[in-house]
Amino acid sequence: MWKSFNILALIGLLYACSHPDKPTTQLTPYQAEHITHIETGDITPQQLVNFSCTLEGTPYLFGSIDPKKGFDCSGFVTYVFNHFNIMVPRTSVDFTPVEHEIDLKDAKLGDLILFTGTDTTIRVVGHMGIISSLPQEPLRFIHSTSGKAYGVTETDYHNPYYESRYIKTIRIFRQNDQTSQ
């Protein structure tokens, strides 16, 4: 069995080397729901946020990752990360186990912020966004909302609506762990 696995792995590696623009690994729905670590490679938080900002004004559409139609919150995040070939969970609740949680006060550009859904009594992740402010600025995040802004917008965190819904912040860019930022 191991020999056949190694041969298949070698064939996959050879294919990847001859077709670098095509991903060789497709996650099953189960695997996509159980991602606990996101590998960002050489992509920087600034690149990610810059691209996400180009999508401001895209309308809200539940369950969509298509910018021509609209995004829901996790569809927006998925689309932004997939633009850089970074694999992430598809739904906001599936980001719950992703490593590594940080204190909100330590949030930096590109970190992910998770909230409850609109019912704050249900303490389960139901909304998310990408931190879009620098550490010395008031905390803001970019997200796709079904609320008043109805689409991709940048929002100030410090208002009772979002503060009451806050669940956690996730650091996924190793660059953000460096003290020079």
N, C-alpha and C. Protein backbone atom coordinates (compact mmCIF):
# COMPACT_ATOMS: atom_id res chain seq x y z
N MET A 1 0.83 -1.20 0.00
CA MET A 1 0.00 0.00 0.00
C MET A 1 0.86 1.25 0.00
N TRP A 2 1.92 1.27 0.84
CA TRP A 2 2.77 2.47 0.90
C TRP A 2 3.46 2.73 -0.42
N LYS A 3 3.86 1.65 -1.13
CA LYS A 3 4.52 1.84 -2.42
C LYS A 3 3.58 2.52 -3.39
N SER A 4 2.32 2.04 -3.42
CA SER A 4 1.37 2.66 -4.35
C SER A 4 1.07 4.09 -3.94
N PHE A 5 1.03 4.36 -2.63
CA PHE A 5 0.81 5.74 -2.18
C PHE A 5 1.97 6.62 -2.58
N ASN A 6 3.21 6.15 -2.38
CA ASN A 6 4.38 6.94 -2.74
C ASN A 6 4.44 7.20 -4.24
N ILE A 7 4.06 6.22 -5.04
CA ILE A 7 4.03 6.41 -6.48
C ILE A 7 3.00 7.47 -6.85
N LEU A 8 1.81 7.39 -6.22
CA LEU A 8 0.78 8.40 -6.48
C LEU A 8 1.25 9.78 -6.03
N ALA A 9 1.93 9.86 -4.90
CA ALA A 9 2.44 11.14 -4.42
C ALA A 9 3.47 11.69 -5.40
N LEU A 10 4.35 10.84 -5.91
CA LEU A 10 5.35 11.27 -6.87
C LEU A 10 4.70 11.75 -8.16
N ILE A 11 3.70 11.04 -8.63
CA ILE A 11 2.97 11.47 -9.83
C ILE A 11 2.33 12.83 -9.58
N GLY A 12 1.72 13.01 -8.42
CA GLY A 12 1.11 14.30 -8.08
C GLY A 12 2.13 15.41 -8.03
N LEU A 13 3.31 15.13 -7.47
CA LEU A 13 4.37 16.13 -7.39
C LEU A 13 4.86 16.49 -8.78
N LEU A 14 5.07 15.49 -9.63
CA LEU A 14 5.50 15.76 -11.01
C LEU A 14 4.45 16.58 -11.76
N TYR A 15 3.18 16.25 -11.55
CA TYR A 15 2.11 17.03 -12.18
C TYR A 15 2.12 18.47 -11.70
N ALA A 16 2.30 18.66 -10.40
CA ALA A 16 2.31 20.01 -9.83
C ALA A 16 3.47 20.82 -10.39
N CYS A 17 4.62 20.19 -10.57
CA CYS A 17 5.79 20.89 -11.10
C CYS A 17 5.58 21.28 -12.56
N SER A 18 4.87 20.46 -13.31
CA SER A 18 4.66 20.77 -14.72
C SER A 18 3.41 21.62 -14.95
N HIS A 19 2.57 21.74 -13.92
CA HIS A 19 1.36 22.57 -13.99
C HIS A 19 1.25 23.43 -12.73
N PRO A 20 2.20 24.38 -12.52
CA PRO A 20 2.23 25.12 -11.25
C PRO A 20 1.01 26.00 -11.02
N ASP A 21 0.27 26.34 -12.05
CA ASP A 21 -0.87 27.21 -11.87
C ASP A 21 -2.14 26.47 -11.49
N LYS A 22 -2.10 25.14 -11.48
CA LYS A 22 -3.28 24.35 -11.15
C LYS A 22 -3.10 23.69 -9.80
N PRO A 23 -4.02 23.91 -8.86
CA PRO A 23 -3.89 23.25 -7.56
C PRO A 23 -4.07 21.75 -7.72
N THR A 24 -3.27 20.98 -6.97
CA THR A 24 -3.37 19.54 -7.07
C THR A 24 -4.23 18.95 -5.96
N THR A 25 -4.46 19.70 -4.90
CA THR A 25 -5.20 19.17 -3.77
C THR A 25 -6.58 19.81 -3.70
N GLN A 26 -7.59 19.00 -3.77
CA GLN A 26 -8.95 19.45 -3.56
C GLN A 26 -9.41 18.89 -2.23
N LEU A 27 -9.91 19.75 -1.38
CA LEU A 27 -10.39 19.28 -0.09
C LEU A 27 -11.80 18.72 -0.23
N THR A 28 -12.06 17.67 0.51
CA THR A 28 -13.43 17.18 0.59
C THR A 28 -14.21 18.17 1.44
N PRO A 29 -15.53 18.17 1.38
CA PRO A 29 -16.30 19.06 2.25
C PRO A 29 -15.97 18.86 3.72
N TYR A 30 -15.73 17.60 4.14
CA TYR A 30 -15.37 17.34 5.53
C TYR A 30 -14.04 18.01 5.89
N GLN A 31 -13.04 17.86 5.01
CA GLN A 31 -11.75 18.48 5.27
C GLN A 31 -11.86 20.00 5.33
N ALA A 32 -12.63 20.59 4.42
CA ALA A 32 -12.78 22.04 4.39
C ALA A 32 -13.43 22.56 5.66
N GLU A 33 -14.32 21.78 6.25
CA GLU A 33 -14.98 22.18 7.49
C GLU A 33 -14.10 22.00 8.71
N HIS A 34 -12.98 21.28 8.57
CA HIS A 34 -12.15 20.96 9.72
C HIS A 34 -10.73 21.50 9.60
N ILE A 35 -10.56 22.59 8.88
CA ILE A 35 -9.26 23.25 8.79
C ILE A 35 -8.98 23.91 10.14
N THR A 36 -7.81 23.66 10.70
CA THR A 36 -7.46 24.30 11.97
C THR A 36 -6.24 25.21 11.82
N HIS A 37 -5.58 25.14 10.67
CA HIS A 37 -4.41 25.98 10.42
C HIS A 37 -4.49 26.49 8.99
N ILE A 38 -4.29 27.79 8.82
CA ILE A 38 -4.33 28.40 7.49
C ILE A 38 -2.90 28.79 7.13
N GLU A 39 -2.44 28.29 5.99
CA GLU A 39 -1.09 28.58 5.53
C GLU A 39 -1.14 29.74 4.53
N THR A 40 -0.55 30.87 4.90
CA THR A 40 -0.62 32.07 4.06
C THR A 40 0.59 32.25 3.16
N GLY A 41 1.61 31.42 3.32
CA GLY A 41 2.79 31.52 2.45
C GLY A 41 3.44 32.88 2.54
N ASP A 42 3.78 33.44 1.39
CA ASP A 42 4.46 34.73 1.34
C ASP A 42 3.50 35.91 1.20
N ILE A 43 2.22 35.65 1.20
CA ILE A 43 1.23 36.73 1.09
C ILE A 43 1.28 37.54 2.37
N THR A 44 1.22 38.85 2.23
CA THR A 44 1.26 39.72 3.41
C THR A 44 -0.14 40.16 3.80
N PRO A 45 -0.33 40.54 5.06
CA PRO A 45 -1.63 41.07 5.47
C PRO A 45 -2.02 42.29 4.64
N GLN A 46 -1.05 43.13 4.29
CA GLN A 46 -1.34 44.33 3.50
C GLN A 46 -1.89 43.97 2.12
N GLN A 47 -1.30 42.96 1.47
CA GLN A 47 -1.81 42.51 0.16
C GLN A 47 -3.24 42.03 0.29
N LEU A 48 -3.51 41.25 1.32
CA LEU A 48 -4.84 40.70 1.53
C LEU A 48 -5.87 41.81 1.73
N VAL A 49 -5.54 42.75 2.60
CA VAL A 49 -6.49 43.84 2.90
C VAL A 49 -6.64 44.76 1.69
N ASN A 50 -5.55 45.04 1.00
CA ASN A 50 -5.66 45.88 -0.20
C ASN A 50 -6.63 45.27 -1.20
N PHE A 51 -6.51 43.95 -1.43
CA PHE A 51 -7.42 43.30 -2.36
C PHE A 51 -8.85 43.32 -1.82
N SER A 52 -9.02 43.05 -0.54
CA SER A 52 -10.37 43.03 0.03
C SER A 52 -11.06 44.38 -0.14
N CYS A 53 -10.29 45.46 -0.04
CA CYS A 53 -10.87 46.80 -0.19
C CYS A 53 -11.36 47.08 -1.61
N THR A 54 -10.79 46.39 -2.59
CA THR A 54 -11.27 46.58 -3.97
C THR A 54 -12.67 46.03 -4.16
N LEU A 55 -13.13 45.24 -3.20
CA LEU A 55 -14.46 44.61 -3.30
C LEU A 55 -15.54 45.40 -2.56
N GLU A 56 -15.15 46.52 -1.93
CA GLU A 56 -16.15 47.34 -1.22
C GLU A 56 -17.27 47.71 -2.17
N GLY A 57 -18.49 47.65 -1.66
CA GLY A 57 -19.67 47.97 -2.47
C GLY A 57 -20.30 46.76 -3.14
N THR A 58 -19.60 45.61 -3.14
CA THR A 58 -20.21 44.39 -3.68
C THR A 58 -21.43 44.07 -2.82
N PRO A 59 -22.57 43.80 -3.43
CA PRO A 59 -23.78 43.58 -2.64
C PRO A 59 -23.72 42.31 -1.79
N TYR A 60 -24.61 42.24 -0.81
CA TYR A 60 -24.75 41.06 0.04
C TYR A 60 -25.62 40.03 -0.66
N LEU A 61 -25.19 38.76 -0.63
CA LEU A 61 -26.03 37.67 -1.12
C LEU A 61 -25.70 36.44 -0.30
N PHE A 62 -26.67 35.96 0.44
CA PHE A 62 -26.48 34.80 1.31
C PHE A 62 -25.98 33.60 0.52
N GLY A 63 -24.95 32.94 1.04
CA GLY A 63 -24.43 31.71 0.47
C GLY A 63 -23.56 31.87 -0.76
N SER A 64 -23.22 33.10 -1.13
CA SER A 64 -22.50 33.32 -2.38
C SER A 64 -21.03 33.68 -2.18
N ILE A 65 -20.19 33.19 -3.09
CA ILE A 65 -18.79 33.60 -3.16
C ILE A 65 -18.49 34.21 -4.53
N ASP A 66 -19.51 34.64 -5.23
CA ASP A 66 -19.38 35.18 -6.58
C ASP A 66 -19.48 36.71 -6.54
N PRO A 67 -18.39 37.42 -6.84
CA PRO A 67 -18.43 38.88 -6.76
C PRO A 67 -19.40 39.52 -7.76
N LYS A 68 -19.75 38.81 -8.82
CA LYS A 68 -20.71 39.35 -9.79
C LYS A 68 -22.13 39.36 -9.23
N LYS A 69 -22.39 38.46 -8.27
CA LYS A 69 -23.72 38.36 -7.67
C LYS A 69 -23.76 38.99 -6.28
N GLY A 70 -22.70 38.78 -5.50
CA GLY A 70 -22.64 39.27 -4.13
C GLY A 70 -21.97 38.25 -3.23
N PHE A 71 -21.77 38.62 -1.97
CA PHE A 71 -21.13 37.75 -0.99
C PHE A 71 -21.94 37.72 0.29
N ASP A 72 -21.89 36.60 1.01
CA ASP A 72 -22.23 36.64 2.42
C ASP A 72 -20.89 36.84 3.14
N CYS A 73 -20.89 36.90 4.46
CA CYS A 73 -19.66 37.26 5.17
C CYS A 73 -18.53 36.27 4.93
N SER A 74 -18.82 34.98 5.06
CA SER A 74 -17.77 33.99 4.86
C SER A 74 -17.45 33.80 3.38
N GLY A 75 -18.41 34.05 2.53
CA GLY A 75 -18.16 34.00 1.09
C GLY A 75 -17.17 35.07 0.68
N PHE A 76 -17.29 36.25 1.28
CA PHE A 76 -16.35 37.34 1.04
C PHE A 76 -14.95 36.94 1.50
N VAL A 77 -14.84 36.44 2.73
CA VAL A 77 -13.54 36.03 3.27
C VAL A 77 -12.95 34.91 2.42
N THR A 78 -13.75 33.93 2.06
CA THR A 78 -13.29 32.82 1.21
C THR A 78 -12.77 33.34 -0.12
N TYR A 79 -13.52 34.22 -0.75
CA TYR A 79 -13.13 34.76 -2.05
C TYR A 79 -11.80 35.51 -1.95
N VAL A 80 -11.65 36.33 -0.92
CA VAL A 80 -10.41 37.10 -0.75
C VAL A 80 -9.22 36.16 -0.59
N PHE A 81 -9.33 35.17 0.30
CA PHE A 81 -8.22 34.26 0.52
C PHE A 81 -7.97 33.38 -0.70
N ASN A 82 -9.02 32.90 -1.33
CA ASN A 82 -8.84 32.06 -2.52
C ASN A 82 -8.18 32.82 -3.66
N HIS A 83 -8.37 34.13 -3.71
CA HIS A 83 -7.69 34.96 -4.72
C HIS A 83 -6.17 34.76 -4.63
N PHE A 84 -5.67 34.52 -3.43
CA PHE A 84 -4.24 34.31 -3.20
C PHE A 84 -3.90 32.81 -3.06
N ASN A 85 -4.82 31.95 -3.47
CA ASN A 85 -4.64 30.49 -3.38
C ASN A 85 -4.40 30.04 -1.94
N ILE A 86 -5.05 30.68 -1.00
CA ILE A 86 -4.99 30.30 0.40
C ILE A 86 -6.29 29.59 0.74
N MET A 87 -6.17 28.35 1.20
CA MET A 87 -7.32 27.53 1.53
C MET A 87 -7.87 27.89 2.91
N VAL A 88 -9.16 28.18 2.99
CA VAL A 88 -9.82 28.50 4.25
C VAL A 88 -11.15 27.76 4.33
N PRO A 89 -11.71 27.64 5.54
CA PRO A 89 -13.06 27.07 5.64
C PRO A 89 -14.06 27.91 4.86
N ARG A 90 -15.18 27.34 4.50
CA ARG A 90 -16.18 28.08 3.71
C ARG A 90 -17.18 28.85 4.58
N THR A 91 -17.55 28.35 5.74
CA THR A 91 -18.56 29.03 6.53
C THR A 91 -17.94 29.68 7.77
N SER A 92 -18.58 30.71 8.27
CA SER A 92 -18.03 31.43 9.43
C SER A 92 -17.88 30.52 10.64
N VAL A 93 -18.83 29.66 10.90
CA VAL A 93 -18.74 28.77 12.06
C VAL A 93 -17.56 27.81 11.93
N ASP A 94 -17.18 27.46 10.70
CA ASP A 94 -16.06 26.55 10.51
C ASP A 94 -14.71 27.20 10.80
N PHE A 95 -14.69 28.51 11.03
CA PHE A 95 -13.46 29.20 11.44
C PHE A 95 -13.25 29.10 12.95
N THR A 96 -14.24 28.62 13.68
CA THR A 96 -14.15 28.53 15.14
C THR A 96 -12.90 27.81 15.62
N PRO A 97 -12.53 26.63 15.07
CA PRO A 97 -11.36 25.92 15.58
C PRO A 97 -10.01 26.37 14.99
N VAL A 98 -10.03 27.35 14.09
CA VAL A 98 -8.79 27.76 13.43
C VAL A 98 -7.84 28.39 14.44
N GLU A 99 -6.57 28.01 14.36
CA GLU A 99 -5.52 28.53 15.24
C GLU A 99 -5.06 29.89 14.74
N HIS A 100 -4.52 30.73 15.44
CA HIS A 100 -4.40 30.83 16.87
C HIS A 100 -5.10 32.08 17.34
N GLU A 101 -5.84 31.90 18.41
CA GLU A 101 -6.65 32.98 18.98
C GLU A 101 -5.73 33.99 19.68
N ILE A 102 -6.07 35.28 19.52
CA ILE A 102 -5.32 36.35 20.17
C ILE A 102 -6.30 37.27 20.89
N ASP A 103 -5.77 38.11 21.78
CA ASP A 103 -6.60 39.13 22.42
C ASP A 103 -6.99 40.19 21.40
N LEU A 104 -8.20 40.67 21.49
CA LEU A 104 -8.68 41.70 20.57
C LEU A 104 -7.77 42.92 20.58
N LYS A 105 -7.25 43.27 21.75
CA LYS A 105 -6.38 44.45 21.86
C LYS A 105 -5.09 44.29 21.05
N ASP A 106 -4.74 43.06 20.69
CA ASP A 106 -3.53 42.79 19.91
C ASP A 106 -3.81 42.63 18.41
N ALA A 107 -5.05 42.87 17.99
CA ALA A 107 -5.43 42.67 16.59
C ALA A 107 -4.61 43.54 15.66
N LYS A 108 -4.23 42.94 14.53
CA LYS A 108 -3.46 43.64 13.51
C LYS A 108 -4.10 43.41 12.15
N LEU A 109 -3.67 44.21 11.20
CA LEU A 109 -4.12 44.14 9.82
C LEU A 109 -4.10 42.69 9.33
N GLY A 110 -5.22 42.23 8.79
CA GLY A 110 -5.30 40.88 8.23
C GLY A 110 -5.77 39.80 9.19
N ASP A 111 -5.81 40.10 10.50
CA ASP A 111 -6.36 39.12 11.45
C ASP A 111 -7.85 38.97 11.18
N LEU A 112 -8.40 37.85 11.56
CA LEU A 112 -9.84 37.60 11.37
C LEU A 112 -10.58 37.86 12.67
N ILE A 113 -11.76 38.44 12.58
CA ILE A 113 -12.58 38.73 13.75
C ILE A 113 -13.91 37.99 13.58
N LEU A 114 -14.30 37.25 14.63
CA LEU A 114 -15.50 36.42 14.58
C LEU A 114 -16.55 36.93 15.54
N PHE A 115 -17.80 36.88 15.11
CA PHE A 115 -18.94 37.37 15.87
C PHE A 115 -20.03 36.30 15.91
N THR A 116 -20.99 36.50 16.81
CA THR A 116 -22.20 35.69 16.76
C THR A 116 -22.99 36.10 15.53
N GLY A 117 -24.05 35.35 15.25
CA GLY A 117 -25.01 35.81 14.26
C GLY A 117 -25.79 36.96 14.88
N THR A 118 -26.88 37.35 14.27
CA THR A 118 -27.63 38.50 14.76
C THR A 118 -28.28 38.27 16.12
N ASP A 119 -28.50 37.01 16.50
CA ASP A 119 -29.05 36.70 17.82
C ASP A 119 -27.88 36.51 18.78
N THR A 120 -27.61 37.53 19.59
CA THR A 120 -26.44 37.51 20.49
C THR A 120 -26.57 36.51 21.62
N THR A 121 -27.77 35.98 21.85
CA THR A 121 -27.94 34.99 22.92
C THR A 121 -27.42 33.61 22.50
N ILE A 122 -27.25 33.42 21.20
CA ILE A 122 -26.68 32.17 20.69
C ILE A 122 -25.20 32.44 20.45
N ARG A 123 -24.36 31.97 21.37
CA ARG A 123 -22.92 32.28 21.35
C ARG A 123 -22.16 31.33 20.43
N VAL A 124 -22.57 31.31 19.17
CA VAL A 124 -21.92 30.51 18.13
C VAL A 124 -21.55 31.47 17.00
N VAL A 125 -20.40 31.24 16.39
CA VAL A 125 -19.96 32.11 15.31
C VAL A 125 -20.98 32.09 14.19
N GLY A 126 -21.35 33.29 13.75
CA GLY A 126 -22.31 33.43 12.66
C GLY A 126 -21.98 34.59 11.74
N HIS A 127 -20.88 35.30 12.04
CA HIS A 127 -20.45 36.43 11.21
C HIS A 127 -18.96 36.62 11.38
N MET A 128 -18.32 37.21 10.36
CA MET A 128 -16.87 37.40 10.43
C MET A 128 -16.41 38.51 9.51
N GLY A 129 -15.19 38.96 9.75
CA GLY A 129 -14.58 39.98 8.91
C GLY A 129 -13.07 39.92 9.02
N ILE A 130 -12.42 40.82 8.30
CA ILE A 130 -10.97 40.91 8.26
C ILE A 130 -10.57 42.25 8.87
N ILE A 131 -9.67 42.24 9.85
CA ILE A 131 -9.21 43.49 10.46
C ILE A 131 -8.54 44.32 9.37
N SER A 132 -8.98 45.58 9.24
CA SER A 132 -8.49 46.46 8.17
C SER A 132 -7.77 47.69 8.70
N SER A 133 -7.60 47.78 10.01
CA SER A 133 -6.93 48.95 10.60
C SER A 133 -5.55 48.57 11.10
N LEU A 134 -4.70 49.58 11.19
CA LEU A 134 -3.37 49.39 11.77
C LEU A 134 -3.48 49.48 13.28
N PRO A 135 -2.52 48.92 14.03
CA PRO A 135 -2.62 48.89 15.49
C PRO A 135 -2.84 50.25 16.16
N GLN A 136 -2.29 51.32 15.63
CA GLN A 136 -2.45 52.63 16.27
C GLN A 136 -3.77 53.32 15.89
N GLU A 137 -4.54 52.73 15.00
CA GLU A 137 -5.81 53.31 14.56
C GLU A 137 -6.97 52.68 15.32
N PRO A 138 -8.14 53.36 15.31
CA PRO A 138 -9.34 52.72 15.88
C PRO A 138 -9.62 51.41 15.13
N LEU A 139 -10.05 50.39 15.86
CA LEU A 139 -10.25 49.06 15.28
C LEU A 139 -11.39 49.06 14.27
N ARG A 140 -11.07 48.64 13.04
CA ARG A 140 -12.04 48.52 11.96
C ARG A 140 -11.87 47.15 11.30
N PHE A 141 -12.93 46.70 10.66
CA PHE A 141 -12.87 45.44 9.93
C PHE A 141 -13.68 45.57 8.66
N ILE A 142 -13.29 44.81 7.64
CA ILE A 142 -14.03 44.80 6.38
C ILE A 142 -14.77 43.47 6.31
N HIS A 143 -16.02 43.55 5.88
CA HIS A 143 -16.89 42.36 5.89
C HIS A 143 -18.04 42.57 4.93
N SER A 144 -18.79 41.52 4.69
CA SER A 144 -20.02 41.63 3.91
C SER A 144 -21.18 41.48 4.89
N THR A 145 -22.00 42.51 4.95
CA THR A 145 -23.08 42.53 5.93
C THR A 145 -24.45 42.54 5.27
N SER A 146 -25.38 41.90 5.93
CA SER A 146 -26.77 41.93 5.47
C SER A 146 -27.52 43.08 6.15
N GLY A 147 -26.80 43.85 6.96
CA GLY A 147 -27.40 44.96 7.70
C GLY A 147 -27.59 46.19 6.83
N LYS A 148 -27.61 47.34 7.49
CA LYS A 148 -27.90 48.62 6.83
C LYS A 148 -26.98 48.89 5.63
N ALA A 149 -25.70 48.58 5.75
CA ALA A 149 -24.76 48.83 4.65
C ALA A 149 -24.99 47.86 3.49
N TYR A 150 -25.53 46.70 3.76
CA TYR A 150 -25.93 45.66 2.81
C TYR A 150 -24.88 45.39 1.73
N GLY A 151 -23.77 44.84 2.14
CA GLY A 151 -22.72 44.46 1.21
C GLY A 151 -21.36 44.61 1.85
N VAL A 152 -20.33 44.58 1.03
CA VAL A 152 -18.97 44.69 1.53
C VAL A 152 -18.70 46.13 1.94
N THR A 153 -18.32 46.27 3.21
CA THR A 153 -18.09 47.59 3.77
C THR A 153 -17.06 47.49 4.89
N GLU A 154 -16.49 48.62 5.24
CA GLU A 154 -15.58 48.68 6.39
C GLU A 154 -16.37 49.26 7.56
N THR A 155 -16.23 48.64 8.72
CA THR A 155 -17.03 49.01 9.89
C THR A 155 -16.14 49.23 11.11
N ASP A 156 -16.49 50.22 11.91
CA ASP A 156 -15.81 50.47 13.18
C ASP A 156 -16.28 49.41 14.18
N TYR A 157 -15.34 48.74 14.82
CA TYR A 157 -15.69 47.71 15.80
C TYR A 157 -16.37 48.31 17.04
N HIS A 158 -15.95 49.50 17.43
CA HIS A 158 -16.39 50.05 18.71
C HIS A 158 -17.79 50.67 18.63
N ASN A 159 -18.76 49.81 18.57
CA ASN A 159 -20.16 50.21 18.72
C ASN A 159 -20.85 49.05 19.43
N PRO A 160 -21.88 49.33 20.18
CA PRO A 160 -22.50 48.27 21.00
C PRO A 160 -22.95 47.05 20.20
N TYR A 161 -23.38 47.25 18.97
CA TYR A 161 -23.88 46.13 18.17
C TYR A 161 -22.80 45.08 17.97
N TYR A 162 -21.63 45.48 17.50
CA TYR A 162 -20.57 44.50 17.26
C TYR A 162 -19.85 44.09 18.53
N GLU A 163 -19.68 45.00 19.47
CA GLU A 163 -19.03 44.63 20.72
C GLU A 163 -19.80 43.53 21.45
N SER A 164 -21.13 43.59 21.40
CA SER A 164 -21.94 42.57 22.08
C SER A 164 -21.91 41.22 21.36
N ARG A 165 -21.55 41.23 20.10
CA ARG A 165 -21.53 40.00 19.29
C ARG A 165 -20.15 39.37 19.20
N TYR A 166 -19.13 40.05 19.68
CA TYR A 166 -17.75 39.58 19.54
C TYR A 166 -17.55 38.21 20.18
N ILE A 167 -16.86 37.32 19.45
CA ILE A 167 -16.50 36.01 19.99
C ILE A 167 -14.98 35.88 20.13
N LYS A 168 -14.25 36.10 19.03
CA LYS A 168 -12.79 35.99 19.13
C LYS A 168 -12.09 36.55 17.90
N THR A 169 -10.78 36.73 18.06
CA THR A 169 -9.92 37.19 16.97
C THR A 169 -8.90 36.10 16.70
N ILE A 170 -8.65 35.86 15.42
CA ILE A 170 -7.72 34.81 15.02
C ILE A 170 -6.56 35.42 14.25
N ARG A 171 -5.36 35.07 14.64
CA ARG A 171 -4.15 35.48 13.93
C ARG A 171 -3.76 34.35 12.98
N ILE A 172 -3.69 34.67 11.68
CA ILE A 172 -3.30 33.65 10.72
C ILE A 172 -2.03 34.00 9.97
N PHE A 173 -1.64 35.26 9.98
CA PHE A 173 -0.40 35.67 9.30
C PHE A 173 0.74 35.65 10.30
N ARG A 174 1.74 34.83 10.05
CA ARG A 174 2.88 34.75 10.97
C ARG A 174 3.61 36.08 11.04
N GLN A 175 3.54 36.90 9.97
CA GLN A 175 4.17 38.22 10.00
C GLN A 175 3.61 39.09 11.13
N ASN A 176 2.34 38.87 11.49
CA ASN A 176 1.72 39.68 12.55
C ASN A 176 2.24 39.33 13.94
N ASP A 177 2.94 38.22 14.07
CA ASP A 177 3.53 37.87 15.36
C ASP A 177 4.85 38.58 15.60
N GLN A 178 5.37 39.19 14.55
CA GLN A 178 6.63 39.91 14.70
C GLN A 178 6.35 41.26 15.35
N THR A 179 7.23 41.71 16.21
CA THR A 179 7.00 42.94 16.97
C THR A 179 7.23 44.20 16.15
N SER A 180 7.78 44.09 14.95
CA SER A 180 8.10 45.27 14.16
C SER A 180 6.87 45.93 13.54
N GLN A 181 5.70 45.30 13.59
CA GLN A 181 4.51 45.89 12.98
C GLN A 181 3.76 46.75 13.93
